[in-house]
């Protein structure tokens, strides 16, 4: 499934976001829900909500690499 591949890619760069916002778990939660969705354990509503939350997290940091990492998580979801 393409979503799993996207989640894996986003997870590789997630430390760039975490370094700037260590207490903000929204991008990680988006990645986790993608995997749950792929296993049939999550519905699309929560996936969309966490995707939006990851994009909001991207707007909360100034570092371009951290922004891109959070957006990657949002796009994966």
Protein backbone atom coordinates (compact mmCIF):
# COMPACT_ATOMS: atom_id res chain seq x y z
CA UNK A 1 0.00 0.00 0.00
CA UNK A 2 1.33 3.41 -0.95
CA UNK A 3 0.26 4.92 2.37
CA UNK A 4 2.57 2.57 4.25
CA UNK A 5 5.48 3.56 2.03
CA UNK A 6 4.67 7.25 2.56
CA UNK A 7 4.48 6.71 6.32
CA UNK A 8 7.86 4.98 6.29
CA UNK A 9 9.40 7.85 4.34
CA UNK A 10 7.88 10.46 6.66
CA UNK A 11 9.09 8.57 9.71
CA UNK A 12 12.67 8.73 8.47
CA UNK A 13 12.66 12.53 8.56
CA UNK A 14 10.45 12.93 11.65
CA UNK A 15 13.48 13.53 13.93
CA UNK A 16 13.96 16.84 12.12
CA UNK A 17 10.59 17.97 13.44
CA UNK A 18 11.03 16.40 16.86
CA UNK A 19 14.30 18.29 17.35
CA UNK A 20 12.40 21.57 17.01
CA UNK A 21 9.23 20.58 18.85
CA UNK A 22 9.97 17.63 21.14
CA UNK A 23 6.61 17.78 22.90
CA UNK A 24 4.47 17.95 19.74
CA UNK A 25 3.37 14.44 18.82
CA UNK A 26 0.91 15.33 16.05
CA UNK A 27 3.11 14.24 13.10
CA UNK A 28 3.98 10.96 14.84
CA UNK A 29 0.31 10.33 15.57
CA UNK A 30 -0.48 10.87 11.88
CA UNK A 31 2.11 8.28 10.90
CA UNK A 32 0.78 5.81 13.46
CA UNK A 33 -2.83 6.18 12.29
CA UNK A 34 -1.80 5.51 8.68
CA UNK A 35 -0.45 2.16 9.78
CA UNK A 36 -3.62 1.46 11.76
CA UNK A 37 -5.69 2.33 8.71
CA UNK A 38 -3.66 -0.04 6.54
CA UNK A 39 -4.37 -2.85 9.03
CA UNK A 40 -8.07 -2.01 9.00
CA UNK A 41 -7.97 -0.70 12.56
CA UNK A 42 -8.80 2.96 11.87
CA UNK A 43 -11.46 4.72 9.87
CA UNK A 44 -10.84 7.55 7.44
CA UNK A 45 -12.23 10.26 9.75
CA UNK A 46 -9.48 9.97 12.36
CA UNK A 47 -6.90 9.67 9.60
CA UNK A 48 -8.03 12.96 8.06
CA UNK A 49 -8.14 14.67 11.44
CA UNK A 50 -4.59 13.63 12.25
CA UNK A 51 -3.41 14.63 8.78
CA UNK A 52 -4.80 18.11 9.39
CA UNK A 53 -3.17 18.15 12.83
CA UNK A 54 0.23 17.25 11.34
CA UNK A 55 -0.08 20.14 8.91
CA UNK A 56 -0.98 22.43 11.81
CA UNK A 57 2.15 21.21 13.57
CA UNK A 58 4.15 22.17 10.49
CA UNK A 59 2.86 25.72 10.85
CA UNK A 60 4.00 25.83 14.47
CA UNK A 61 7.74 25.63 13.73
CA UNK A 62 10.11 27.92 11.83
CA UNK A 63 12.79 25.52 10.65
CA UNK A 64 12.16 24.61 6.98
CA UNK A 65 13.32 21.01 7.45
CA UNK A 66 11.02 20.57 10.46
CA UNK A 67 8.15 22.06 8.50
CA UNK A 68 8.78 19.65 5.63
CA UNK A 69 8.98 16.67 7.99
CA UNK A 70 5.63 17.47 9.61
CA UNK A 71 4.06 18.04 6.20
CA UNK A 72 5.40 14.69 5.04
CA UNK A 73 3.56 13.03 7.91
CA UNK A 74 0.41 14.94 7.05
CA UNK A 75 0.62 13.99 3.39
CA UNK A 76 1.21 10.36 4.29
CA UNK A 77 -2.00 10.40 6.29
